[in-house]
Amino acid sequence: MSRIHALTLSVAALIAPGVSTAAELTPGLPPEAVLREAYARMRAGDWDAAAEAFDPAALARFRAMLEPLFSAASAPAGEGQENRDAMMLMLLFAPAKSVEEVRALSDRALFARLMRGTMSLAGAELDEQAILGSVAEGKDRVHVVTRNTARMDRATVSRVEAVTLQRTAQGWRLALTGEIEGLAETLQATVEAGRTESGEDLPSPPTP
């Protein structure tokens, strides 16, 4: 399974049944309601609003994991060459036209832009989802197990996921899945591999 396909199913893990109306993400909203609202916003294509349902600390960490890509995309290309990292950045964060424009995005907007771009490139459609159960880990963390189905490349793919929600100052918010964080790690590894081949110094890995 490709990284984009796995990422799509991780996004599908956020789907909750019975979505009918939008709700404000108030601090007192229970975890399941946050899941429902997150999906309602994603289904509407409003990734900027959907990003509000994620833990701000996780989005800040996600941004730090992308920093090697930003640095590589800012480096001048050789004579007669194009900076392939900058080209990849513009593709993923369209309609951004420069690295500076991408870096100026807030943590939420950065995450939303990347998710929107990745889903668009995957040509994926989220389908059915069933919540299989949930378990609390202490007072401030809940894990919800779901079975998610998505359609990609004329194929239907099903996968079981565990979605984690954490209690924050804003209320219950979604943690990033391993696949979503894995996307940032893959982009970072791609940049580092390119620098190794060119003999350039590798950037220090971001602090988790």
N, C-alpha and C. Protein backbone atom coordinates (compact mmCIF):
# COMPACT_ATOMS: atom_id res chain seq x y z
N MET A 1 0.84 -1.19 0.00
CA MET A 1 0.00 0.00 0.00
C MET A 1 0.88 1.24 0.00
N SER A 2 0.58 2.19 -0.89
CA SER A 2 1.40 3.38 -0.98
C SER A 2 1.19 4.28 0.22
N ARG A 3 2.13 5.22 0.43
CA ARG A 3 2.02 6.15 1.54
C ARG A 3 0.75 6.99 1.41
N ILE A 4 0.41 7.43 0.19
CA ILE A 4 -0.77 8.25 0.01
C ILE A 4 -2.03 7.44 0.29
N HIS A 5 -2.06 6.16 -0.14
CA HIS A 5 -3.23 5.33 0.14
C HIS A 5 -3.39 5.13 1.64
N ALA A 6 -2.31 4.88 2.33
CA ALA A 6 -2.38 4.69 3.79
C ALA A 6 -2.84 5.97 4.47
N LEU A 7 -2.34 7.10 3.98
CA LEU A 7 -2.74 8.38 4.54
C LEU A 7 -4.23 8.62 4.35
N THR A 8 -4.73 8.26 3.17
CA THR A 8 -6.15 8.45 2.90
C THR A 8 -7.00 7.67 3.87
N LEU A 9 -6.58 6.44 4.17
CA LEU A 9 -7.34 5.63 5.12
C LEU A 9 -7.23 6.19 6.54
N SER A 10 -6.11 6.82 6.85
CA SER A 10 -5.99 7.46 8.15
C SER A 10 -6.97 8.61 8.26
N VAL A 11 -7.12 9.33 7.17
CA VAL A 11 -8.11 10.40 7.15
C VAL A 11 -9.51 9.82 7.29
N ALA A 12 -9.74 8.69 6.62
CA ALA A 12 -11.04 8.04 6.72
C ALA A 12 -11.33 7.60 8.15
N ALA A 13 -10.29 7.40 8.94
CA ALA A 13 -10.48 6.98 10.32
C ALA A 13 -11.17 8.05 11.15
N LEU A 14 -11.21 9.27 10.63
CA LEU A 14 -11.85 10.34 11.37
C LEU A 14 -13.36 10.37 11.15
N ILE A 15 -13.84 9.54 10.22
CA ILE A 15 -15.25 9.56 9.88
C ILE A 15 -16.06 8.94 11.02
N ALA A 16 -17.14 9.57 11.39
CA ALA A 16 -18.04 9.02 12.40
C ALA A 16 -19.44 8.91 11.82
N PRO A 17 -20.22 7.91 12.25
CA PRO A 17 -21.55 7.71 11.68
C PRO A 17 -22.54 8.76 12.14
N GLY A 18 -23.61 8.92 11.38
CA GLY A 18 -24.68 9.80 11.80
C GLY A 18 -24.37 11.26 11.66
N VAL A 19 -23.46 11.65 10.77
CA VAL A 19 -23.16 13.05 10.58
C VAL A 19 -24.34 13.72 9.89
N SER A 20 -24.90 14.75 10.51
CA SER A 20 -26.05 15.41 9.89
C SER A 20 -25.97 16.92 9.99
N THR A 21 -25.52 17.44 11.10
CA THR A 21 -25.47 18.88 11.27
C THR A 21 -24.10 19.29 11.79
N ALA A 22 -23.76 20.54 11.52
CA ALA A 22 -22.48 21.07 12.00
C ALA A 22 -22.63 21.48 13.46
N ALA A 23 -21.53 21.45 14.17
CA ALA A 23 -21.54 21.83 15.59
C ALA A 23 -20.31 22.65 15.89
N GLU A 24 -20.43 23.54 16.83
CA GLU A 24 -19.29 24.33 17.26
C GLU A 24 -18.40 23.47 18.15
N LEU A 25 -17.09 23.58 17.99
CA LEU A 25 -16.17 22.78 18.79
C LEU A 25 -15.94 23.46 20.13
N THR A 26 -16.95 23.37 20.98
CA THR A 26 -16.87 23.96 22.31
C THR A 26 -16.06 23.07 23.24
N PRO A 27 -15.48 23.64 24.31
CA PRO A 27 -14.65 22.84 25.23
C PRO A 27 -15.38 21.65 25.85
N GLY A 28 -16.70 21.73 26.00
CA GLY A 28 -17.44 20.65 26.64
C GLY A 28 -17.91 19.57 25.69
N LEU A 29 -17.59 19.67 24.41
CA LEU A 29 -18.04 18.68 23.44
C LEU A 29 -17.34 17.34 23.69
N PRO A 30 -18.08 16.22 23.75
CA PRO A 30 -17.46 14.91 24.00
C PRO A 30 -16.64 14.45 22.80
N PRO A 31 -15.72 13.49 23.02
CA PRO A 31 -14.82 13.04 21.95
C PRO A 31 -15.54 12.60 20.68
N GLU A 32 -16.61 11.81 20.82
CA GLU A 32 -17.32 11.31 19.64
C GLU A 32 -17.92 12.45 18.82
N ALA A 33 -18.38 13.48 19.50
CA ALA A 33 -18.95 14.63 18.79
C ALA A 33 -17.87 15.40 18.05
N VAL A 34 -16.67 15.45 18.63
CA VAL A 34 -15.55 16.10 17.94
C VAL A 34 -15.21 15.34 16.66
N LEU A 35 -15.23 14.00 16.75
CA LEU A 35 -14.99 13.18 15.56
C LEU A 35 -16.03 13.45 14.48
N ARG A 36 -17.29 13.52 14.88
CA ARG A 36 -18.36 13.77 13.91
C ARG A 36 -18.18 15.12 13.24
N GLU A 37 -17.86 16.13 14.03
CA GLU A 37 -17.70 17.47 13.46
C GLU A 37 -16.46 17.56 12.57
N ALA A 38 -15.39 16.89 12.97
CA ALA A 38 -14.18 16.89 12.14
C ALA A 38 -14.49 16.33 10.76
N TYR A 39 -15.23 15.24 10.72
CA TYR A 39 -15.55 14.65 9.43
C TYR A 39 -16.51 15.52 8.62
N ALA A 40 -17.47 16.13 9.30
CA ALA A 40 -18.42 16.99 8.59
C ALA A 40 -17.67 18.11 7.86
N ARG A 41 -16.66 18.65 8.51
CA ARG A 41 -15.88 19.73 7.90
C ARG A 41 -15.01 19.21 6.76
N MET A 42 -14.44 18.02 6.93
CA MET A 42 -13.63 17.45 5.85
C MET A 42 -14.51 17.06 4.66
N ARG A 43 -15.67 16.52 4.95
CA ARG A 43 -16.57 16.13 3.88
C ARG A 43 -17.02 17.35 3.06
N ALA A 44 -17.11 18.49 3.74
CA ALA A 44 -17.48 19.73 3.05
C ALA A 44 -16.29 20.33 2.31
N GLY A 45 -15.12 19.72 2.45
CA GLY A 45 -13.93 20.23 1.79
C GLY A 45 -13.31 21.41 2.50
N ASP A 46 -13.74 21.68 3.73
CA ASP A 46 -13.22 22.81 4.49
C ASP A 46 -12.12 22.31 5.42
N TRP A 47 -10.92 22.10 4.87
CA TRP A 47 -9.82 21.58 5.66
C TRP A 47 -9.30 22.60 6.67
N ASP A 48 -9.47 23.87 6.39
CA ASP A 48 -9.05 24.89 7.35
C ASP A 48 -9.88 24.78 8.62
N ALA A 49 -11.18 24.57 8.46
CA ALA A 49 -12.04 24.40 9.63
C ALA A 49 -11.80 23.05 10.28
N ALA A 50 -11.53 22.02 9.48
CA ALA A 50 -11.27 20.69 10.04
C ALA A 50 -10.03 20.69 10.91
N ALA A 51 -9.03 21.50 10.55
CA ALA A 51 -7.79 21.55 11.32
C ALA A 51 -8.03 22.01 12.75
N GLU A 52 -9.13 22.73 12.98
CA GLU A 52 -9.46 23.19 14.33
C GLU A 52 -9.72 22.01 15.26
N ALA A 53 -10.09 20.86 14.70
CA ALA A 53 -10.41 19.68 15.50
C ALA A 53 -9.17 18.93 15.95
N PHE A 54 -7.98 19.37 15.53
CA PHE A 54 -6.73 18.69 15.89
C PHE A 54 -6.02 19.41 17.04
N ASP A 55 -5.27 18.65 17.80
CA ASP A 55 -4.50 19.17 18.93
C ASP A 55 -3.48 20.20 18.43
N PRO A 56 -3.52 21.45 18.91
CA PRO A 56 -2.57 22.47 18.46
C PRO A 56 -1.11 22.06 18.65
N ALA A 57 -0.81 21.35 19.74
CA ALA A 57 0.57 20.92 19.99
C ALA A 57 1.03 19.93 18.92
N ALA A 58 0.12 19.06 18.48
CA ALA A 58 0.46 18.08 17.44
C ALA A 58 0.69 18.78 16.11
N LEU A 59 -0.09 19.81 15.82
CA LEU A 59 0.10 20.55 14.57
C LEU A 59 1.43 21.31 14.58
N ALA A 60 1.83 21.81 15.74
CA ALA A 60 3.12 22.50 15.85
C ALA A 60 4.27 21.51 15.63
N ARG A 61 4.13 20.30 16.18
CA ARG A 61 5.15 19.28 15.97
C ARG A 61 5.21 18.86 14.51
N PHE A 62 4.05 18.77 13.89
CA PHE A 62 3.98 18.41 12.47
C PHE A 62 4.71 19.45 11.63
N ARG A 63 4.53 20.71 11.95
CA ARG A 63 5.21 21.78 11.23
C ARG A 63 6.72 21.64 11.36
N ALA A 64 7.19 21.34 12.58
CA ALA A 64 8.63 21.19 12.81
C ALA A 64 9.20 20.05 11.98
N MET A 65 8.42 19.01 11.78
CA MET A 65 8.88 17.86 11.00
C MET A 65 9.03 18.21 9.52
N LEU A 66 8.34 19.26 9.07
CA LEU A 66 8.42 19.68 7.67
C LEU A 66 9.53 20.69 7.43
N GLU A 67 10.16 21.18 8.49
CA GLU A 67 11.17 22.22 8.35
C GLU A 67 12.32 21.84 7.41
N PRO A 68 12.82 20.60 7.43
CA PRO A 68 13.88 20.24 6.47
C PRO A 68 13.46 20.45 5.02
N LEU A 69 12.20 20.19 4.71
CA LEU A 69 11.71 20.41 3.35
C LEU A 69 11.71 21.89 3.02
N PHE A 70 11.29 22.73 3.97
CA PHE A 70 11.27 24.17 3.73
C PHE A 70 12.69 24.70 3.50
N SER A 71 13.63 24.22 4.31
CA SER A 71 15.01 24.67 4.17
C SER A 71 15.59 24.25 2.83
N ALA A 72 15.32 23.00 2.44
CA ALA A 72 15.84 22.51 1.16
C ALA A 72 15.22 23.26 -0.01
N ALA A 73 13.94 23.58 0.12
CA ALA A 73 13.25 24.29 -0.97
C ALA A 73 13.73 25.73 -1.09
N SER A 74 14.31 26.26 -0.02
CA SER A 74 14.81 27.64 -0.04
C SER A 74 16.21 27.74 -0.61
N ALA A 75 16.91 26.60 -0.70
CA ALA A 75 18.30 26.61 -1.19
C ALA A 75 18.33 26.94 -2.68
N PRO A 76 19.31 27.73 -3.12
CA PRO A 76 19.41 28.07 -4.54
C PRO A 76 19.76 26.84 -5.37
N ALA A 77 19.14 26.72 -6.52
CA ALA A 77 19.42 25.61 -7.42
C ALA A 77 20.68 25.90 -8.23
N GLY A 78 21.30 24.84 -8.74
CA GLY A 78 22.49 25.02 -9.56
C GLY A 78 22.14 25.67 -10.89
N GLU A 79 23.15 26.12 -11.59
CA GLU A 79 22.94 26.79 -12.87
C GLU A 79 22.22 25.86 -13.85
N GLY A 80 21.15 26.38 -14.44
CA GLY A 80 20.40 25.59 -15.41
C GLY A 80 19.54 24.51 -14.79
N GLN A 81 19.39 24.51 -13.45
CA GLN A 81 18.61 23.49 -12.77
C GLN A 81 17.48 24.14 -11.98
N GLU A 82 16.48 23.32 -11.66
CA GLU A 82 15.38 23.77 -10.82
C GLU A 82 15.47 23.07 -9.48
N ASN A 83 15.08 23.74 -8.44
CA ASN A 83 15.08 23.15 -7.11
C ASN A 83 13.90 22.18 -7.02
N ARG A 84 14.21 20.88 -7.03
CA ARG A 84 13.13 19.88 -7.04
C ARG A 84 12.33 19.90 -5.75
N ASP A 85 12.98 20.29 -4.64
CA ASP A 85 12.25 20.37 -3.37
C ASP A 85 11.24 21.52 -3.40
N ALA A 86 11.61 22.62 -4.04
CA ALA A 86 10.68 23.74 -4.17
C ALA A 86 9.51 23.34 -5.06
N MET A 87 9.80 22.58 -6.11
CA MET A 87 8.73 22.13 -7.00
C MET A 87 7.76 21.21 -6.26
N MET A 88 8.30 20.31 -5.43
CA MET A 88 7.45 19.42 -4.65
C MET A 88 6.61 20.22 -3.66
N LEU A 89 7.22 21.24 -3.06
CA LEU A 89 6.52 22.07 -2.09
C LEU A 89 5.35 22.79 -2.74
N MET A 90 5.56 23.35 -3.92
CA MET A 90 4.50 24.07 -4.61
C MET A 90 3.37 23.11 -5.02
N LEU A 91 3.72 21.88 -5.32
CA LEU A 91 2.71 20.89 -5.69
C LEU A 91 1.85 20.51 -4.49
N LEU A 92 2.49 20.28 -3.36
CA LEU A 92 1.77 19.85 -2.17
C LEU A 92 0.98 20.98 -1.52
N PHE A 93 1.51 22.21 -1.61
CA PHE A 93 0.89 23.34 -0.92
C PHE A 93 0.25 24.33 -1.88
N ALA A 94 -0.16 23.86 -3.05
CA ALA A 94 -0.84 24.72 -4.02
C ALA A 94 -2.06 25.39 -3.34
N PRO A 95 -2.33 26.65 -3.66
CA PRO A 95 -1.76 27.46 -4.75
C PRO A 95 -0.59 28.35 -4.32
N ALA A 96 0.17 27.96 -3.31
CA ALA A 96 1.32 28.76 -2.90
C ALA A 96 2.31 28.90 -4.06
N LYS A 97 2.92 30.07 -4.17
CA LYS A 97 3.85 30.35 -5.26
C LYS A 97 5.30 30.48 -4.78
N SER A 98 5.51 30.42 -3.46
CA SER A 98 6.87 30.56 -2.95
C SER A 98 6.99 29.86 -1.61
N VAL A 99 8.24 29.56 -1.24
CA VAL A 99 8.50 28.93 0.05
C VAL A 99 8.10 29.88 1.17
N GLU A 100 8.36 31.17 0.97
CA GLU A 100 8.03 32.17 1.98
C GLU A 100 6.52 32.18 2.25
N GLU A 101 5.74 32.01 1.19
CA GLU A 101 4.28 31.99 1.36
C GLU A 101 3.85 30.78 2.17
N VAL A 102 4.48 29.64 1.95
CA VAL A 102 4.14 28.44 2.71
C VAL A 102 4.55 28.60 4.17
N ARG A 103 5.74 29.12 4.39
CA ARG A 103 6.23 29.29 5.76
C ARG A 103 5.40 30.29 6.55
N ALA A 104 4.75 31.21 5.87
CA ALA A 104 3.95 32.22 6.55
C ALA A 104 2.61 31.68 7.03
N LEU A 105 2.24 30.47 6.59
CA LEU A 105 0.97 29.89 7.00
C LEU A 105 1.00 29.54 8.49
N SER A 106 -0.14 29.65 9.15
CA SER A 106 -0.25 29.20 10.53
C SER A 106 -0.14 27.68 10.58
N ASP A 107 0.03 27.12 11.79
CA ASP A 107 0.12 25.67 11.92
C ASP A 107 -1.13 25.00 11.35
N ARG A 108 -2.28 25.55 11.65
CA ARG A 108 -3.53 24.97 11.15
C ARG A 108 -3.60 25.04 9.63
N ALA A 109 -3.28 26.23 9.10
CA ALA A 109 -3.37 26.42 7.65
C ALA A 109 -2.36 25.55 6.92
N LEU A 110 -1.18 25.39 7.51
CA LEU A 110 -0.15 24.55 6.90
C LEU A 110 -0.63 23.11 6.80
N PHE A 111 -1.18 22.60 7.89
CA PHE A 111 -1.70 21.24 7.92
C PHE A 111 -2.85 21.09 6.93
N ALA A 112 -3.77 22.05 6.93
CA ALA A 112 -4.93 21.98 6.05
C ALA A 112 -4.51 21.99 4.59
N ARG A 113 -3.55 22.83 4.24
CA ARG A 113 -3.11 22.93 2.85
C ARG A 113 -2.46 21.62 2.40
N LEU A 114 -1.64 21.02 3.26
CA LEU A 114 -0.98 19.77 2.89
C LEU A 114 -1.98 18.63 2.75
N MET A 115 -2.93 18.55 3.67
CA MET A 115 -3.92 17.49 3.59
C MET A 115 -4.80 17.65 2.36
N ARG A 116 -5.17 18.89 2.06
CA ARG A 116 -5.99 19.13 0.87
C ARG A 116 -5.23 18.73 -0.39
N GLY A 117 -3.95 19.10 -0.45
CA GLY A 117 -3.14 18.77 -1.61
C GLY A 117 -2.91 17.27 -1.75
N THR A 118 -2.66 16.59 -0.64
CA THR A 118 -2.42 15.16 -0.67
C THR A 118 -3.67 14.40 -1.10
N MET A 119 -4.82 14.77 -0.55
CA MET A 119 -6.06 14.10 -0.92
C MET A 119 -6.39 14.33 -2.38
N SER A 120 -6.11 15.53 -2.87
CA SER A 120 -6.37 15.84 -4.28
C SER A 120 -5.47 15.01 -5.19
N LEU A 121 -4.19 14.90 -4.84
CA LEU A 121 -3.27 14.12 -5.65
C LEU A 121 -3.62 12.64 -5.63
N ALA A 122 -4.15 12.17 -4.51
CA ALA A 122 -4.51 10.75 -4.39
C ALA A 122 -5.76 10.42 -5.20
N GLY A 123 -6.57 11.41 -5.48
CA GLY A 123 -7.82 11.16 -6.19
C GLY A 123 -8.71 10.20 -5.43
N ALA A 124 -8.75 10.36 -4.09
CA ALA A 124 -9.45 9.41 -3.24
C ALA A 124 -10.80 9.95 -2.79
N GLU A 125 -11.70 9.03 -2.50
CA GLU A 125 -13.02 9.35 -1.97
C GLU A 125 -13.23 8.55 -0.69
N LEU A 126 -13.53 9.24 0.39
CA LEU A 126 -13.83 8.54 1.64
C LEU A 126 -15.21 7.92 1.54
N ASP A 127 -15.33 6.69 2.03
CA ASP A 127 -16.59 5.97 1.90
C ASP A 127 -17.17 5.68 3.27
N GLU A 128 -17.36 4.42 3.59
CA GLU A 128 -18.04 4.05 4.83
C GLU A 128 -17.06 3.98 6.01
N GLN A 129 -17.65 4.09 7.19
CA GLN A 129 -16.88 3.94 8.42
C GLN A 129 -17.77 3.41 9.52
N ALA A 130 -17.21 2.56 10.36
CA ALA A 130 -17.94 2.03 11.50
C ALA A 130 -17.06 2.14 12.73
N ILE A 131 -17.62 2.66 13.80
CA ILE A 131 -16.91 2.72 15.08
C ILE A 131 -17.08 1.38 15.78
N LEU A 132 -15.96 0.74 16.08
CA LEU A 132 -15.99 -0.60 16.67
C LEU A 132 -15.94 -0.56 18.19
N GLY A 133 -15.47 0.54 18.75
CA GLY A 133 -15.37 0.65 20.19
C GLY A 133 -14.40 1.73 20.58
N SER A 134 -14.31 2.00 21.87
CA SER A 134 -13.38 3.02 22.37
C SER A 134 -12.92 2.65 23.76
N VAL A 135 -11.77 3.19 24.13
CA VAL A 135 -11.21 2.94 25.45
C VAL A 135 -10.52 4.19 25.94
N ALA A 136 -10.71 4.50 27.22
CA ALA A 136 -10.08 5.67 27.81
C ALA A 136 -8.71 5.28 28.37
N GLU A 137 -7.75 6.15 28.17
CA GLU A 137 -6.42 5.98 28.76
C GLU A 137 -6.22 7.14 29.74
N GLY A 138 -6.59 6.91 30.98
CA GLY A 138 -6.59 7.99 31.95
C GLY A 138 -7.76 8.93 31.70
N LYS A 139 -7.63 10.15 32.21
CA LYS A 139 -8.72 11.12 32.09
C LYS A 139 -8.60 12.00 30.86
N ASP A 140 -7.43 12.03 30.24
CA ASP A 140 -7.19 13.01 29.19
C ASP A 140 -6.90 12.41 27.81
N ARG A 141 -7.15 11.11 27.65
CA ARG A 141 -6.90 10.50 26.34
C ARG A 141 -7.92 9.40 26.09
N VAL A 142 -8.45 9.37 24.88
CA VAL A 142 -9.42 8.35 24.48
C VAL A 142 -9.01 7.81 23.12
N HIS A 143 -9.08 6.49 22.96
CA HIS A 143 -8.78 5.84 21.69
C HIS A 143 -10.07 5.25 21.12
N VAL A 144 -10.38 5.61 19.89
CA VAL A 144 -11.58 5.11 19.21
C VAL A 144 -11.14 4.22 18.05
N VAL A 145 -11.62 2.99 18.04
CA VAL A 145 -11.27 2.04 16.97
C VAL A 145 -12.36 2.07 15.90
N THR A 146 -11.92 2.23 14.65
CA THR A 146 -12.86 2.33 13.55
C THR A 146 -12.44 1.43 12.39
N ARG A 147 -13.42 1.01 11.61
CA ARG A 147 -13.14 0.34 10.34
C ARG A 147 -13.52 1.32 9.24
N ASN A 148 -12.55 1.62 8.36
CA ASN A 148 -12.72 2.67 7.38
C ASN A 148 -12.58 2.12 5.96
N THR A 149 -13.39 2.63 5.08
CA THR A 149 -13.36 2.22 3.69
C THR A 149 -13.19 3.45 2.81
N ALA A 150 -12.31 3.35 1.83
CA ALA A 150 -12.08 4.44 0.89
C ALA A 150 -11.95 3.87 -0.51
N ARG A 151 -12.30 4.69 -1.49
CA ARG A 151 -12.17 4.30 -2.90
C ARG A 151 -11.00 5.04 -3.52
N MET A 152 -10.05 4.28 -4.08
CA MET A 152 -8.86 4.85 -4.69
C MET A 152 -8.48 4.04 -5.91
N ASP A 153 -8.22 4.72 -7.01
CA ASP A 153 -7.80 4.03 -8.23
C ASP A 153 -8.77 2.91 -8.59
N ARG A 154 -10.06 3.19 -8.51
CA ARG A 154 -11.12 2.25 -8.87
C ARG A 154 -11.14 1.01 -7.97
N ALA A 155 -10.46 1.07 -6.86
CA ALA A 155 -10.45 -0.05 -5.92
C ALA A 155 -10.99 0.42 -4.57
N THR A 156 -11.60 -0.49 -3.86
CA THR A 156 -12.09 -0.20 -2.52
C THR A 156 -11.13 -0.81 -1.51
N VAL A 157 -10.67 0.01 -0.59
CA VAL A 157 -9.71 -0.44 0.41
C VAL A 157 -10.31 -0.25 1.80
N SER A 158 -10.18 -1.27 2.65
CA SER A 158 -10.70 -1.21 4.00
C SER A 158 -9.57 -1.38 5.00
N ARG A 159 -9.66 -0.66 6.10
CA ARG A 159 -8.59 -0.73 7.09
C ARG A 159 -9.13 -0.38 8.47
N VAL A 160 -8.62 -1.04 9.48
CA VAL A 160 -8.98 -0.74 10.87
C VAL A 160 -7.97 0.25 11.43
N GLU A 161 -8.47 1.31 12.06
CA GLU A 161 -7.61 2.36 12.60
C GLU A 161 -8.00 2.66 14.04
N ALA A 162 -7.05 3.14 14.80
CA ALA A 162 -7.33 3.66 16.13
C ALA A 162 -7.10 5.16 16.10
N VAL A 163 -8.13 5.93 16.38
CA VAL A 163 -8.06 7.39 16.40
C VAL A 163 -7.94 7.83 17.85
N THR A 164 -6.92 8.63 18.14
CA THR A 164 -6.69 9.11 19.50
C THR A 164 -7.15 10.56 19.64
N LEU A 165 -7.88 10.82 20.71
CA LEU A 165 -8.28 12.19 21.04
C LEU A 165 -7.69 12.54 22.40
N GLN A 166 -7.22 13.76 22.52
CA GLN A 166 -6.60 14.22 23.77
C GLN A 166 -7.35 15.44 24.29
N ARG A 167 -7.43 15.54 25.60
CA ARG A 167 -8.06 16.70 26.21
C ARG A 167 -7.06 17.86 26.20
N THR A 168 -7.45 18.98 25.64
CA THR A 168 -6.60 20.17 25.57
C THR A 168 -7.33 21.34 26.21
N ALA A 169 -6.69 22.49 26.22
CA ALA A 169 -7.33 23.68 26.76
C ALA A 169 -8.56 24.06 25.94
N GLN A 170 -8.59 23.64 24.67
CA GLN A 170 -9.72 23.93 23.80
C GLN A 170 -10.81 22.87 23.87
N GLY A 171 -10.56 21.80 24.62
CA GLY A 171 -11.49 20.68 24.67
C GLY A 171 -10.85 19.45 24.04
N TRP A 172 -11.65 18.42 23.74
CA TRP A 172 -11.13 17.21 23.10
C TRP A 172 -10.69 17.53 21.68
N ARG A 173 -9.46 17.11 21.35
CA ARG A 173 -8.93 17.35 20.01
C ARG A 173 -8.21 16.10 19.52
N LEU A 174 -8.17 15.93 18.21
CA LEU A 174 -7.58 14.75 17.60
C LEU A 174 -6.05 14.83 17.60
N ALA A 175 -5.42 13.72 17.94
CA ALA A 175 -3.98 13.60 17.76
C ALA A 175 -3.73 13.18 16.31
N LEU A 176 -2.55 13.44 15.81
CA LEU A 176 -2.22 13.01 14.46
C LEU A 176 -1.99 11.51 14.44
N THR A 177 -2.48 10.84 13.42
CA THR A 177 -2.25 9.41 13.29
C THR A 177 -0.80 9.15 12.89
N GLY A 178 -0.37 7.91 13.08
CA GLY A 178 0.99 7.55 12.69
C GLY A 178 1.22 7.73 11.20
N GLU A 179 0.19 7.50 10.39
CA GLU A 179 0.34 7.66 8.95
C GLU A 179 0.51 9.11 8.55
N ILE A 180 -0.21 10.01 9.21
CA ILE A 180 -0.08 11.43 8.88
C ILE A 180 1.31 11.93 9.29
N GLU A 181 1.77 11.54 10.47
CA GLU A 181 3.13 11.91 10.87
C GLU A 181 4.15 11.22 9.96
N GLY A 182 3.80 10.00 9.51
CA GLY A 182 4.69 9.30 8.60
C GLY A 182 4.85 10.02 7.28
N LEU A 183 3.84 10.76 6.86
CA LEU A 183 3.96 11.55 5.63
C LEU A 183 5.05 12.60 5.78
N ALA A 184 5.05 13.30 6.92
CA ALA A 184 6.08 14.30 7.17
C ALA A 184 7.46 13.66 7.23
N GLU A 185 7.54 12.48 7.86
CA GLU A 185 8.82 11.78 7.94
C GLU A 185 9.31 11.35 6.56
N THR A 186 8.38 10.93 5.72
CA THR A 186 8.75 10.53 4.36
C THR A 186 9.29 11.72 3.56
N LEU A 187 8.63 12.86 3.68
CA LEU A 187 9.11 14.06 3.00
C LEU A 187 10.49 14.46 3.51
N GLN A 188 10.68 14.37 4.82
CA GLN A 188 11.98 14.70 5.41
C GLN A 188 13.05 13.74 4.91
N ALA A 189 12.73 12.43 4.86
CA ALA A 189 13.70 11.45 4.40
C ALA A 189 14.06 11.66 2.93
N THR A 190 13.08 12.08 2.13
CA THR A 190 13.34 12.34 0.72
C THR A 190 14.34 13.47 0.56
N VAL A 191 14.16 14.52 1.35
CA VAL A 191 15.09 15.65 1.30
C VAL A 191 16.48 15.23 1.75
N GLU A 192 16.56 14.47 2.84
CA GLU A 192 17.86 14.06 3.37
C GLU A 192 18.58 13.13 2.39
N ALA A 193 17.83 12.25 1.73
CA ALA A 193 18.44 11.35 0.76
C ALA A 193 19.04 12.15 -0.40
N GLY A 194 18.31 13.18 -0.84
CA GLY A 194 18.82 14.02 -1.92
C GLY A 194 20.07 14.76 -1.53
N ARG A 195 20.14 15.22 -0.27
CA ARG A 195 21.32 15.95 0.18
C ARG A 195 22.51 15.01 0.35
N THR A 196 22.24 13.79 0.76
CA THR A 196 23.32 12.82 0.89
C THR A 196 23.95 12.54 -0.46
N GLU A 197 23.10 12.39 -1.47
CA GLU A 197 23.61 12.13 -2.82
C GLU A 197 24.43 13.29 -3.35
N SER A 198 24.05 14.51 -2.96
CA SER A 198 24.75 15.69 -3.46
C SER A 198 25.94 16.07 -2.60
N GLY A 199 26.11 15.38 -1.46
CA GLY A 199 27.25 15.67 -0.59
C GLY A 199 27.01 16.81 0.37
N GLU A 200 25.77 17.30 0.45
CA GLU A 200 25.48 18.42 1.35
C GLU A 200 25.29 17.90 2.77
N ASP A 201 25.44 18.80 3.75
CA ASP A 201 25.21 18.43 5.13
C ASP A 201 23.72 18.21 5.35
N LEU A 202 23.41 17.21 6.14
CA LEU A 202 22.03 16.92 6.45
C LEU A 202 21.55 17.81 7.59
N PRO A 203 20.29 18.25 7.57
CA PRO A 203 19.77 19.04 8.68
C PRO A 203 19.57 18.18 9.91
N SER A 204 19.62 18.77 11.08
CA SER A 204 19.37 18.03 12.30
C SER A 204 17.91 17.66 12.35
N PRO A 205 17.58 16.45 12.83
CA PRO A 205 16.16 16.06 12.89
C PRO A 205 15.42 16.92 13.88
N PRO A 206 14.14 17.20 13.62
CA PRO A 206 13.36 18.03 14.53
C PRO A 206 13.14 17.32 15.85
N THR A 207 12.94 18.08 16.90
CA THR A 207 12.64 17.52 18.21
C THR A 207 11.20 17.07 18.26
N PRO A 208 10.92 15.83 18.63
CA PRO A 208 9.53 15.35 18.69
C PRO A 208 8.70 16.18 19.64
